[in-house]
Amino acid sequence: MSAHSIHEEDSHGSLGSYLAGFVLAVVLTAASFWLVLHGGFPRETALLGLAVLAAVQIVVHLVFFLHMNTSSTQRWNVTAFGFTVLTVLIVIVGTLWVMHNVTMQMMSR
């Protein structure tokens, strides 16, 4: 058993998939810069657009560079990633909720 036999069944991508991921990442980054530098959108719309572009770019990186998919060999990686996302969302939403409640309590005085 060689040191590399554990990962022989895993697909590590091809040059075409890496190029497609790179082009998509560059296009999404350029779109984000254009959205900010154009300045023709209201602040809320620009922030929402940046959030959507960031989420799409995260998915592009996960699929094309980290090779995460729904195959049975990736199930534990996807589960761990889902748990991480859920934990981060709980921390962020909880922090915002606490900060909002503190602000409301201080404004009432």
PDB file of N, CA and C in Angstrom:
ATOM      1  N   MET A   1       0.854  -1.179   0.000  1.00  0.00           N
ATOM      2  CA  MET A   1       0.000   0.000   0.000  1.00  0.00           C
ATOM      3  C   MET A   1       0.900   1.241   0.000  1.00  0.00           C
ATOM      4  N   SER A   2       0.767   2.034  -1.029  1.00  0.00           N
ATOM      5  CA  SER A   2       1.593   3.233  -1.129  1.00  0.00           C
ATOM      6  C   SER A   2       0.965   4.374  -0.342  1.00  0.00           C
ATOM      7  N   ALA A   3       1.740   5.411  -0.182  1.00  0.00           N
ATOM      8  CA  ALA A   3       1.263   6.565   0.594  1.00  0.00           C
ATOM      9  C   ALA A   3       0.152   7.308  -0.125  1.00  0.00           C
ATOM     10  N   HIS A   4       0.061   7.158  -1.437  1.00  0.00           N
ATOM     11  CA  HIS A   4      -0.931   7.893  -2.210  1.00  0.00           C
ATOM     12  C   HIS A   4      -2.148   7.060  -2.575  1.00  0.00           C
ATOM     13  N   SER A   5      -2.218   5.822  -2.140  1.00  0.00           N
ATOM     14  CA  SER A   5      -3.332   4.962  -2.530  1.00  0.00           C
ATOM     15  C   SER A   5      -4.645   5.380  -1.880  1.00  0.00           C
ATOM     16  N   ILE A   6      -4.594   6.128  -0.800  1.00  0.00           N
ATOM     17  CA  ILE A   6      -5.811   6.561  -0.120  1.00  0.00           C
ATOM     18  C   ILE A   6      -6.606   7.513  -1.011  1.00  0.00           C
ATOM     19  N   HIS A   7      -5.927   8.364  -1.756  1.00  0.00           N
ATOM     20  CA  HIS A   7      -6.595   9.390  -2.537  1.00  0.00           C
ATOM     21  C   HIS A   7      -6.677   9.066  -4.023  1.00  0.00           C
ATOM     22  N   GLU A   8      -6.417   7.820  -4.404  1.00  0.00           N
ATOM     23  CA  GLU A   8      -6.430   7.486  -5.819  1.00  0.00           C
ATOM     24  C   GLU A   8      -7.817   7.601  -6.430  1.00  0.00           C
ATOM     25  N   GLU A   9      -8.871   7.298  -5.653  1.00  0.00           N
ATOM     26  CA  GLU A   9     -10.214   7.351  -6.210  1.00  0.00           C
ATOM     27  C   GLU A   9     -10.771   8.766  -6.271  1.00  0.00           C
ATOM     28  N   ASP A  10     -10.151   9.716  -5.613  1.00  0.00           N
ATOM     29  CA  ASP A  10     -10.622  11.096  -5.613  1.00  0.00           C
ATOM     30  C   ASP A  10     -10.234  11.792  -6.906  1.00  0.00           C
ATOM     31  N   SER A  11     -11.146  12.564  -7.415  1.00  0.00           N
ATOM     32  CA  SER A  11     -10.863  13.349  -8.612  1.00  0.00           C
ATOM     33  C   SER A  11     -10.234  14.668  -8.190  1.00  0.00           C
ATOM     34  N   HIS A  12      -9.103  14.978  -8.757  1.00  0.00           N
ATOM     35  CA  HIS A  12      -8.420  16.216  -8.407  1.00  0.00           C
ATOM     36  C   HIS A  12      -8.583  17.277  -9.480  1.00  0.00           C
ATOM     37  N   GLY A  13      -9.503  17.077 -10.372  1.00  0.00           N
ATOM     38  CA  GLY A  13      -9.791  18.091 -11.374  1.00  0.00           C
ATOM     39  C   GLY A  13      -8.872  18.015 -12.571  1.00  0.00           C
ATOM     40  N   SER A  14      -9.284  18.692 -13.605  1.00  0.00           N
ATOM     41  CA  SER A  14      -8.498  18.743 -14.831  1.00  0.00           C
ATOM     42  C   SER A  14      -8.101  20.190 -15.089  1.00  0.00           C
ATOM     43  N   LEU A  15      -7.270  20.358 -16.078  1.00  0.00           N
ATOM     44  CA  LEU A  15      -6.849  21.712 -16.441  1.00  0.00           C
ATOM     45  C   LEU A  15      -8.055  22.547 -16.861  1.00  0.00           C
ATOM     46  N   GLY A  16      -8.984  21.924 -17.584  1.00  0.00           N
ATOM     47  CA  GLY A  16     -10.179  22.647 -18.024  1.00  0.00           C
ATOM     48  C   GLY A  16     -11.045  23.116 -16.866  1.00  0.00           C
ATOM     49  N   SER A  17     -11.201  22.259 -15.843  1.00  0.00           N
ATOM     50  CA  SER A  17     -12.028  22.668 -14.703  1.00  0.00           C
ATOM     51  C   SER A  17     -11.335  23.763 -13.891  1.00  0.00           C
ATOM     52  N   TYR A  18     -10.005  23.671 -13.778  1.00  0.00           N
ATOM     53  CA  TYR A  18      -9.284  24.734 -13.074  1.00  0.00           C
ATOM     54  C   TYR A  18      -9.365  26.051 -13.832  1.00  0.00           C
ATOM     55  N   LEU A  19      -9.271  25.990 -15.154  1.00  0.00           N
ATOM     56  CA  LEU A  19      -9.381  27.219 -15.954  1.00  0.00           C
ATOM     57  C   LEU A  19     -10.785  27.807 -15.869  1.00  0.00           C
ATOM     58  N   ALA A  20     -11.802  26.944 -15.918  1.00  0.00           N
ATOM     59  CA  ALA A  20     -13.178  27.431 -15.790  1.00  0.00           C
ATOM     60  C   ALA A  20     -13.389  28.093 -14.431  1.00  0.00           C
ATOM     61  N   GLY A  21     -12.881  27.476 -13.363  1.00  0.00           N
ATOM     62  CA  GLY A  21     -12.998  28.063 -12.030  1.00  0.00           C
ATOM     63  C   GLY A  21     -12.256  29.375 -11.929  1.00  0.00           C
ATOM     64  N   PHE A  22     -11.064  29.427 -12.526  1.00  0.00           N
ATOM     65  CA  PHE A  22     -10.278  30.667 -12.496  1.00  0.00           C
ATOM     66  C   PHE A  22     -10.986  31.791 -13.238  1.00  0.00           C
ATOM     67  N   VAL A  23     -11.516  31.484 -14.429  1.00  0.00           N
ATOM     68  CA  VAL A  23     -12.219  32.507 -15.210  1.00  0.00           C
ATOM     69  C   VAL A  23     -13.460  32.984 -14.463  1.00  0.00           C
ATOM     70  N   LEU A  24     -14.225  32.065 -13.889  1.00  0.00           N
ATOM     71  CA  LEU A  24     -15.403  32.469 -13.117  1.00  0.00           C
ATOM     72  C   LEU A  24     -15.011  33.328 -11.914  1.00  0.00           C
ATOM     73  N   ALA A  25     -13.945  32.969 -11.227  1.00  0.00           N
ATOM     74  CA  ALA A  25     -13.497  33.750 -10.068  1.00  0.00           C
ATOM     75  C   ALA A  25     -13.068  35.152 -10.487  1.00  0.00           C
ATOM     76  N   VAL A  26     -12.360  35.254 -11.611  1.00  0.00           N
ATOM     77  CA  VAL A  26     -11.926  36.570 -12.090  1.00  0.00           C
ATOM     78  C   VAL A  26     -13.136  37.409 -12.511  1.00  0.00           C
ATOM     79  N   VAL A  27     -14.092  36.799 -13.201  1.00  0.00           N
ATOM     80  CA  VAL A  27     -15.291  37.533 -13.637  1.00  0.00           C
ATOM     81  C   VAL A  27     -16.082  38.018 -12.420  1.00  0.00           C
ATOM     82  N   LEU A  28     -16.244  37.162 -11.419  1.00  0.00           N
ATOM     83  CA  LEU A  28     -16.990  37.574 -10.220  1.00  0.00           C
ATOM     84  C   LEU A  28     -16.256  38.664  -9.447  1.00  0.00           C
ATOM     85  N   THR A  29     -14.930  38.592  -9.385  1.00  0.00           N
ATOM     86  CA  THR A  29     -14.151  39.643  -8.720  1.00  0.00           C
ATOM     87  C   THR A  29     -14.262  40.957  -9.482  1.00  0.00           C
ATOM     88  N   ALA A  30     -14.160  40.889 -10.803  1.00  0.00           N
ATOM     89  CA  ALA A  30     -14.290  42.099 -11.620  1.00  0.00           C
ATOM     90  C   ALA A  30     -15.690  42.696 -11.479  1.00  0.00           C
ATOM     91  N   ALA A  31     -16.708  41.834 -11.415  1.00  0.00           N
ATOM     92  CA  ALA A  31     -18.076  42.331 -11.232  1.00  0.00           C
ATOM     93  C   ALA A  31     -18.235  43.021  -9.883  1.00  0.00           C
ATOM     94  N   SER A  32     -17.592  42.491  -8.858  1.00  0.00           N
ATOM     95  CA  SER A  32     -17.649  43.124  -7.533  1.00  0.00           C
ATOM     96  C   SER A  32     -16.981  44.497  -7.555  1.00  0.00           C
ATOM     97  N   PHE A  33     -15.800  44.574  -8.180  1.00  0.00           N
ATOM     98  CA  PHE A  33     -15.125  45.866  -8.282  1.00  0.00           C
ATOM     99  C   PHE A  33     -15.951  46.854  -9.096  1.00  0.00           C
ATOM    100  N   TRP A  34     -16.544  46.400 -10.198  1.00  0.00           N
ATOM    101  CA  TRP A  34     -17.351  47.289 -11.022  1.00  0.00           C
ATOM    102  C   TRP A  34     -18.554  47.794 -10.235  1.00  0.00           C
ATOM    103  N   LEU A  35     -19.181  46.908  -9.468  1.00  0.00           N
ATOM    104  CA  LEU A  35     -20.353  47.299  -8.683  1.00  0.00           C
ATOM    105  C   LEU A  35     -20.017  48.402  -7.701  1.00  0.00           C
ATOM    106  N   VAL A  36     -18.848  48.317  -7.084  1.00  0.00           N
ATOM    107  CA  VAL A  36     -18.445  49.323  -6.095  1.00  0.00           C
ATOM    108  C   VAL A  36     -17.969  50.602  -6.783  1.00  0.00           C
ATOM    109  N   LEU A  37     -17.156  50.458  -7.822  1.00  0.00           N
ATOM    110  CA  LEU A  37     -16.574  51.638  -8.456  1.00  0.00           C
ATOM    111  C   LEU A  37     -17.562  52.381  -9.352  1.00  0.00           C
ATOM    112  N   HIS A  38     -18.579  51.696  -9.845  1.00  0.00           N
ATOM    113  CA  HIS A  38     -19.577  52.349 -10.702  1.00  0.00           C
ATOM    114  C   HIS A  38     -20.336  53.421  -9.922  1.00  0.00           C
ATOM    115  N   GLY A  39     -20.726  53.091  -8.724  1.00  0.00           N
ATOM    116  CA  GLY A  39     -21.362  54.063  -7.844  1.00  0.00           C
ATOM    117  C   GLY A  39     -22.755  54.491  -8.263  1.00  0.00           C
ATOM    118  N   GLY A  40     -23.373  53.812  -9.203  1.00  0.00           N
ATOM    119  CA  GLY A  40     -24.694  54.202  -9.673  1.00  0.00           C
ATOM    120  C   GLY A  40     -25.836  53.528  -8.951  1.00  0.00           C
ATOM    121  N   PHE A  41     -25.520  52.743  -7.944  1.00  0.00           N
ATOM    122  CA  PHE A  41     -26.551  52.004  -7.227  1.00  0.00           C
ATOM    123  C   PHE A  41     -26.695  52.552  -5.817  1.00  0.00           C
ATOM    124  N   PRO A  42     -27.894  52.457  -5.249  1.00  0.00           N
ATOM    125  CA  PRO A  42     -28.046  52.834  -3.832  1.00  0.00           C
ATOM    126  C   PRO A  42     -27.200  51.901  -2.958  1.00  0.00           C
ATOM    127  N   ARG A  43     -26.865  52.382  -1.796  1.00  0.00           N
ATOM    128  CA  ARG A  43     -25.961  51.637  -0.912  1.00  0.00           C
ATOM    129  C   ARG A  43     -26.496  50.247  -0.588  1.00  0.00           C
ATOM    130  N   GLU A  44     -27.776  50.140  -0.275  1.00  0.00           N
ATOM    131  CA  GLU A  44     -28.363  48.851   0.091  1.00  0.00           C
ATOM    132  C   GLU A  44     -28.316  47.870  -1.073  1.00  0.00           C
ATOM    133  N   THR A  45     -28.580  48.365  -2.277  1.00  0.00           N
ATOM    134  CA  THR A  45     -28.542  47.511  -3.460  1.00  0.00           C
ATOM    135  C   THR A  45     -27.121  47.034  -3.734  1.00  0.00           C
ATOM    136  N   ALA A  46     -26.151  47.915  -3.574  1.00  0.00           N
ATOM    137  CA  ALA A  46     -24.752  47.539  -3.790  1.00  0.00           C
ATOM    138  C   ALA A  46     -24.311  46.498  -2.765  1.00  0.00           C
ATOM    139  N   LEU A  47     -24.698  46.665  -1.506  1.00  0.00           N
ATOM    140  CA  LEU A  47     -24.339  45.690  -0.479  1.00  0.00           C
ATOM    141  C   LEU A  47     -24.977  44.336  -0.746  1.00  0.00           C
ATOM    142  N   LEU A  48     -26.234  44.334  -1.166  1.00  0.00           N
ATOM    143  CA  LEU A  48     -26.903  43.081  -1.499  1.00  0.00           C
ATOM    144  C   LEU A  48     -26.232  42.417  -2.701  1.00  0.00           C
ATOM    145  N   GLY A  49     -25.880  43.207  -3.703  1.00  0.00           N
ATOM    146  CA  GLY A  49     -25.193  42.670  -4.876  1.00  0.00           C
ATOM    147  C   GLY A  49     -23.839  42.081  -4.516  1.00  0.00           C
ATOM    148  N   LEU A  50     -23.093  42.766  -3.650  1.00  0.00           N
ATOM    149  CA  LEU A  50     -21.801  42.244  -3.201  1.00  0.00           C
ATOM    150  C   LEU A  50     -21.960  40.944  -2.418  1.00  0.00           C
ATOM    151  N   ALA A  51     -22.985  40.867  -1.599  1.00  0.00           N
ATOM    152  CA  ALA A  51     -23.224  39.648  -0.825  1.00  0.00           C
ATOM    153  C   ALA A  51     -23.544  38.472  -1.745  1.00  0.00           C
ATOM    154  N   VAL A  52     -24.357  38.719  -2.765  1.00  0.00           N
ATOM    155  CA  VAL A  52     -24.700  37.655  -3.718  1.00  0.00           C
ATOM    156  C   VAL A  52     -23.465  37.230  -4.503  1.00  0.00           C
ATOM    157  N   LEU A  53     -22.690  38.183  -4.995  1.00  0.00           N
ATOM    158  CA  LEU A  53     -21.473  37.850  -5.734  1.00  0.00           C
ATOM    159  C   LEU A  53     -20.476  37.092  -4.856  1.00  0.00           C
ATOM    160  N   ALA A  54     -20.371  37.455  -3.590  1.00  0.00           N
ATOM    161  CA  ALA A  54     -19.470  36.754  -2.670  1.00  0.00           C
ATOM    162  C   ALA A  54     -19.937  35.316  -2.442  1.00  0.00           C
ATOM    163  N   ALA A  55     -21.240  35.124  -2.274  1.00  0.00           N
ATOM    164  CA  ALA A  55     -21.769  33.770  -2.068  1.00  0.00           C
ATOM    165  C   ALA A  55     -21.528  32.896  -3.302  1.00  0.00           C
ATOM    166  N   VAL A  56     -21.731  33.464  -4.485  1.00  0.00           N
ATOM    167  CA  VAL A  56     -21.489  32.707  -5.719  1.00  0.00           C
ATOM    168  C   VAL A  56     -20.007  32.370  -5.840  1.00  0.00           C
ATOM    169  N   GLN A  57     -19.143  33.300  -5.470  1.00  0.00           N
ATOM    170  CA  GLN A  57     -17.713  33.039  -5.565  1.00  0.00           C
ATOM    171  C   GLN A  57     -17.281  31.957  -4.574  1.00  0.00           C
ATOM    172  N   ILE A  58     -17.881  31.922  -3.409  1.00  0.00           N
ATOM    173  CA  ILE A  58     -17.589  30.847  -2.455  1.00  0.00           C
ATOM    174  C   ILE A  58     -17.947  29.498  -3.058  1.00  0.00           C
ATOM    175  N   VAL A  59     -19.107  29.419  -3.690  1.00  0.00           N
ATOM    176  CA  VAL A  59     -19.526  28.164  -4.326  1.00  0.00           C
ATOM    177  C   VAL A  59     -18.566  27.783  -5.451  1.00  0.00           C
ATOM    178  N   VAL A  60     -18.136  28.750  -6.253  1.00  0.00           N
ATOM    179  CA  VAL A  60     -17.185  28.473  -7.333  1.00  0.00           C
ATOM    180  C   VAL A  60     -15.896  27.902  -6.763  1.00  0.00           C
ATOM    181  N   HIS A  61     -15.382  28.482  -5.692  1.00  0.00           N
ATOM    182  CA  HIS A  61     -14.145  27.989  -5.095  1.00  0.00           C
ATOM    183  C   HIS A  61     -14.324  26.588  -4.517  1.00  0.00           C
ATOM    184  N   LEU A  62     -15.451  26.344  -3.879  1.00  0.00           N
ATOM    185  CA  LEU A  62     -15.696  25.025  -3.299  1.00  0.00           C
ATOM    186  C   LEU A  62     -15.800  23.946  -4.373  1.00  0.00           C
ATOM    187  N   VAL A  63     -16.455  24.255  -5.467  1.00  0.00           N
ATOM    188  CA  VAL A  63     -16.683  23.248  -6.508  1.00  0.00           C
ATOM    189  C   VAL A  63     -15.449  23.060  -7.380  1.00  0.00           C
ATOM    190  N   PHE A  64     -14.861  24.145  -7.876  1.00  0.00           N
ATOM    191  CA  PHE A  64     -13.795  24.026  -8.860  1.00  0.00           C
ATOM    192  C   PHE A  64     -12.408  23.820  -8.246  1.00  0.00           C
ATOM    193  N   PHE A  65     -12.152  24.348  -7.060  1.00  0.00           N
ATOM    194  CA  PHE A  65     -10.816  24.254  -6.488  1.00  0.00           C
ATOM    195  C   PHE A  65     -10.735  23.257  -5.332  1.00  0.00           C
ATOM    196  N   LEU A  66     -11.760  23.170  -4.504  1.00  0.00           N
ATOM    197  CA  LEU A  66     -11.757  22.205  -3.405  1.00  0.00           C
ATOM    198  C   LEU A  66     -12.463  20.904  -3.770  1.00  0.00           C
ATOM    199  N   HIS A  67     -13.074  20.853  -4.951  1.00  0.00           N
ATOM    200  CA  HIS A  67     -13.711  19.651  -5.517  1.00  0.00           C
ATOM    201  C   HIS A  67     -14.776  19.073  -4.597  1.00  0.00           C
ATOM    202  N   MET A  68     -15.538  19.933  -3.946  1.00  0.00           N
ATOM    203  CA  MET A  68     -16.632  19.458  -3.114  1.00  0.00           C
ATOM    204  C   MET A  68     -17.842  19.229  -4.000  1.00  0.00           C
ATOM    205  N   ASN A  69     -18.432  18.044  -3.871  1.00  0.00           N
ATOM    206  CA  ASN A  69     -19.634  17.713  -4.628  1.00  0.00           C
ATOM    207  C   ASN A  69     -20.502  16.805  -3.781  1.00  0.00           C
ATOM    208  N   THR A  70     -21.523  16.251  -4.370  1.00  0.00           N
ATOM    209  CA  THR A  70     -22.467  15.440  -3.608  1.00  0.00           C
ATOM    210  C   THR A  70     -22.174  13.950  -3.712  1.00  0.00           C
ATOM    211  N   SER A  71     -20.991  13.566  -4.172  1.00  0.00           N
ATOM    212  CA  SER A  71     -20.659  12.146  -4.270  1.00  0.00           C
ATOM    213  C   SER A  71     -20.473  11.545  -2.875  1.00  0.00           C
ATOM    214  N   SER A  72     -20.529  10.221  -2.813  1.00  0.00           N
ATOM    215  CA  SER A  72     -20.428   9.555  -1.514  1.00  0.00           C
ATOM    216  C   SER A  72     -19.050   9.724  -0.885  1.00  0.00           C
ATOM    217  N   THR A  73     -18.009   9.929  -1.709  1.00  0.00           N
ATOM    218  CA  THR A  73     -16.675  10.113  -1.146  1.00  0.00           C
ATOM    219  C   THR A  73     -16.503  11.481  -0.496  1.00  0.00           C
ATOM    220  N   GLN A  74     -17.335  12.436  -0.856  1.00  0.00           N
ATOM    221  CA  GLN A  74     -17.244  13.795  -0.314  1.00  0.00           C
ATOM    222  C   GLN A  74     -18.264  14.052   0.797  1.00  0.00           C
ATOM    223  N   ARG A  75     -19.031  13.061   1.173  1.00  0.00           N
ATOM    224  CA  ARG A  75     -20.141  13.272   2.112  1.00  0.00           C
ATOM    225  C   ARG A  75     -19.668  13.874   3.440  1.00  0.00           C
ATOM    226  N   TRP A  76     -18.575  13.392   4.009  1.00  0.00           N
ATOM    227  CA  TRP A  76     -18.108  13.917   5.288  1.00  0.00           C
ATOM    228  C   TRP A  76     -17.554  15.327   5.146  1.00  0.00           C
ATOM    229  N   ASN A  77     -16.924  15.623   4.030  1.00  0.00           N
ATOM    230  CA  ASN A  77     -16.446  16.990   3.805  1.00  0.00           C
ATOM    231  C   ASN A  77     -17.603  17.967   3.704  1.00  0.00           C
ATOM    232  N   VAL A  78     -18.643  17.569   2.984  1.00  0.00           N
ATOM    233  CA  VAL A  78     -19.817  18.433   2.841  1.00  0.00           C
ATOM    234  C   VAL A  78     -20.520  18.595   4.186  1.00  0.00           C
ATOM    235  N   THR A  79     -20.603  17.527   4.959  1.00  0.00           N
ATOM    236  CA  THR A  79     -21.223  17.601   6.286  1.00  0.00           C
ATOM    237  C   THR A  79     -20.428  18.525   7.207  1.00  0.00           C
ATOM    238  N   ALA A  80     -19.117  18.390   7.205  1.00  0.00           N
ATOM    239  CA  ALA A  80     -18.283  19.266   8.040  1.00  0.00           C
ATOM    240  C   ALA A  80     -18.406  20.718   7.603  1.00  0.00           C
ATOM    241  N   PHE A  81     -18.440  20.948   6.292  1.00  0.00           N
ATOM    242  CA  PHE A  81     -18.597  22.311   5.801  1.00  0.00           C
ATOM    243  C   PHE A  81     -19.965  22.879   6.192  1.00  0.00           C
ATOM    244  N   GLY A  82     -21.009  22.082   6.067  1.00  0.00           N
ATOM    245  CA  GLY A  82     -22.345  22.531   6.470  1.00  0.00           C
ATOM    246  C   GLY A  82     -22.403  22.877   7.952  1.00  0.00           C
ATOM    247  N   PHE A  83     -21.773  22.064   8.795  1.00  0.00           N
ATOM    248  CA  PHE A  83     -21.728  22.354  10.217  1.00  0.00           C
ATOM    249  C   PHE A  83     -20.976  23.649  10.491  1.00  0.00           C
ATOM    250  N   THR A  84     -19.880  23.859   9.779  1.00  0.00           N
ATOM    251  CA  THR A  84     -19.109  25.093   9.942  1.00  0.00           C
ATOM    252  C   THR A  84     -19.939  26.307   9.551  1.00  0.00           C
ATOM    253  N   VAL A  85     -20.636  26.223   8.422  1.00  0.00           N
ATOM    254  CA  VAL A  85     -21.485  27.333   7.973  1.00  0.00           C
ATOM    255  C   VAL A  85     -22.585  27.604   8.993  1.00  0.00           C
ATOM    256  N   LEU A  86     -23.218  26.555   9.491  1.00  0.00           N
ATOM    257  CA  LEU A  86     -24.279  26.723  10.485  1.00  0.00           C
ATOM    258  C   LEU A  86     -23.748  27.380  11.753  1.00  0.00           C
ATOM    259  N   THR A  87     -22.577  26.958  12.218  1.00  0.00           N
ATOM    260  CA  THR A  87     -21.983  27.548  13.422  1.00  0.00           C
ATOM    261  C   THR A  87     -21.655  29.026  13.216  1.00  0.00           C
ATOM    262  N   VAL A  88     -21.073  29.347  12.066  1.00  0.00           N
ATOM    263  CA  VAL A  88     -20.740  30.749  11.774  1.00  0.00           C
ATOM    264  C   VAL A  88     -22.012  31.591  11.692  1.00  0.00           C
ATOM    265  N   LEU A  89     -23.050  31.074  11.053  1.00  0.00           N
ATOM    266  CA  LEU A  89     -24.314  31.820  10.970  1.00  0.00           C
ATOM    267  C   LEU A  89     -24.925  32.047  12.354  1.00  0.00           C
ATOM    268  N   ILE A  90     -24.872  31.032  13.210  1.00  0.00           N
ATOM    269  CA  ILE A  90     -25.412  31.193  14.567  1.00  0.00           C
ATOM    270  C   ILE A  90     -24.637  32.271  15.317  1.00  0.00           C
ATOM    271  N   VAL A  91     -23.322  32.270  15.194  1.00  0.00           N
ATOM    272  CA  VAL A  91     -22.502  33.271  15.892  1.00  0.00           C
ATOM    273  C   VAL A  91     -22.795  34.668  15.341  1.00  0.00           C
ATOM    274  N   ILE A  92     -22.845  34.824  14.024  1.00  0.00           N
ATOM    275  CA  ILE A  92     -23.064  36.147  13.425  1.00  0.00           C
ATOM    276  C   ILE A  92     -24.464  36.658  13.728  1.00  0.00           C
ATOM    277  N   VAL A  93     -25.477  35.830  13.497  1.00  0.00           N
ATOM    278  CA  VAL A  93     -26.862  36.267  13.745  1.00  0.00           C
ATOM    279  C   VAL A  93     -27.072  36.518  15.237  1.00  0.00           C
ATOM    280  N   GLY A  94     -26.514  35.674  16.088  1.00  0.00           N
ATOM    281  CA  GLY A  94     -26.640  35.893  17.531  1.00  0.00           C
ATOM    282  C   GLY A  94     -25.982  37.184  17.975  1.00  0.00           C
ATOM    283  N   THR A  95     -24.817  37.478  17.426  1.00  0.00           N
ATOM    284  CA  THR A  95     -24.129  38.718  17.771  1.00  0.00           C
ATOM    285  C   THR A  95     -24.940  39.934  17.327  1.00  0.00           C
ATOM    286  N   LEU A  96     -25.452  39.895  16.106  1.00  0.00           N
ATOM    287  CA  LEU A  96     -26.271  41.012  15.617  1.00  0.00           C
ATOM    288  C   LEU A  96     -27.540  41.180  16.443  1.00  0.00           C
ATOM    289  N   TRP A  97     -28.151  40.069  16.842  1.00  0.00           N
ATOM    290  CA  TRP A  97     -29.360  40.125  17.646  1.00  0.00           C
ATOM    291  C   TRP A  97     -29.074  40.753  19.011  1.00  0.00           C
ATOM    292  N   VAL A  98     -27.979  40.335  19.647  1.00  0.00           N
ATOM    293  CA  VAL A  98     -27.619  40.893  20.948  1.00  0.00           C
ATOM    294  C   VAL A  98     -27.292  42.380  20.816  1.00  0.00           C
ATOM    295  N   MET A  99     -26.532  42.747  19.795  1.00  0.00           N
ATOM    296  CA  MET A  99     -26.185  44.155  19.605  1.00  0.00           C
ATOM    297  C   MET A  99     -27.432  45.001  19.352  1.00  0.00           C
ATOM    298  N   HIS A 100     -28.381  44.483  18.590  1.00  0.00           N
ATOM    299  CA  HIS A 100     -29.625  45.213  18.337  1.00  0.00           C
ATOM    300  C   HIS A 100     -30.415  45.398  19.627  1.00  0.00           C
ATOM    301  N   ASN A 101     -30.512  44.339  20.421  1.00  0.00           N
ATOM    302  CA  ASN A 101     -31.254  44.447  21.676  1.00  0.00           C
ATOM    303  C   ASN A 101     -30.578  45.417  22.646  1.00  0.00           C
ATOM    304  N   VAL A 102     -29.258  45.394  22.714  1.00  0.00           N
ATOM    305  CA  VAL A 102     -28.541  46.343  23.583  1.00  0.00           C
ATOM    306  C   VAL A 102     -28.798  47.768  23.112  1.00  0.00           C
ATOM    307  N   THR A 103     -28.774  47.999  21.813  1.00  0.00           N
ATOM    308  CA  THR A 103     -29.020  49.335  21.269  1.00  0.00           C
ATOM    309  C   THR A 103     -30.425  49.803  21.607  1.00  0.00           C
ATOM    310  N   MET A 104     -31.401  48.919  21.465  1.00  0.00           N
ATOM    311  CA  MET A 104     -32.792  49.281  21.778  1.00  0.00           C
ATOM    312  C   MET A 104     -32.960  49.580  23.259  1.00  0.00           C
ATOM    313  N   GLN A 105     -32.287  48.820  24.120  1.00  0.00           N
ATOM    314  CA  GLN A 105     -32.386  49.072  25.556  1.00  0.00           C
ATOM    315  C   GLN A 105     -31.733  50.403  25.929  1.00  0.00           C
ATOM    316  N   MET A 106     -30.652  50.754  25.283  1.00  0.00           N
ATOM    317  CA  MET A 106     -29.972  52.015  25.600  1.00  0.00           C
ATOM    318  C   MET A 106     -30.729  53.208  25.028  1.00  0.00           C
ATOM    319  N   MET A 107     -31.438  53.047  23.916  1.00  0.00           N
ATOM    320  CA  MET A 107     -32.178  54.140  23.312  1.00  0.00           C
ATOM    321  C   MET A 107     -33.423  54.493  24.129  1.00  0.00           C
ATOM    322  N   SER A 108     -33.919  53.540  24.903  1.00  0.00           N
ATOM    323  CA  SER A 108     -35.143  53.805  25.661  1.00  0.00           C
ATOM    324  C   SER A 108     -34.902  54.651  26.900  1.00  0.00           C
ATOM    325  N   ARG A 109     -33.671  54.861  27.264  1.00  0.00           N
ATOM    326  CA  ARG A 109     -33.376  55.632  28.481  1.00  0.00           C
ATOM    327  C   ARG A 109     -33.382  57.089  28.196  1.00  0.00           C
TER     328      ARG A 109
END
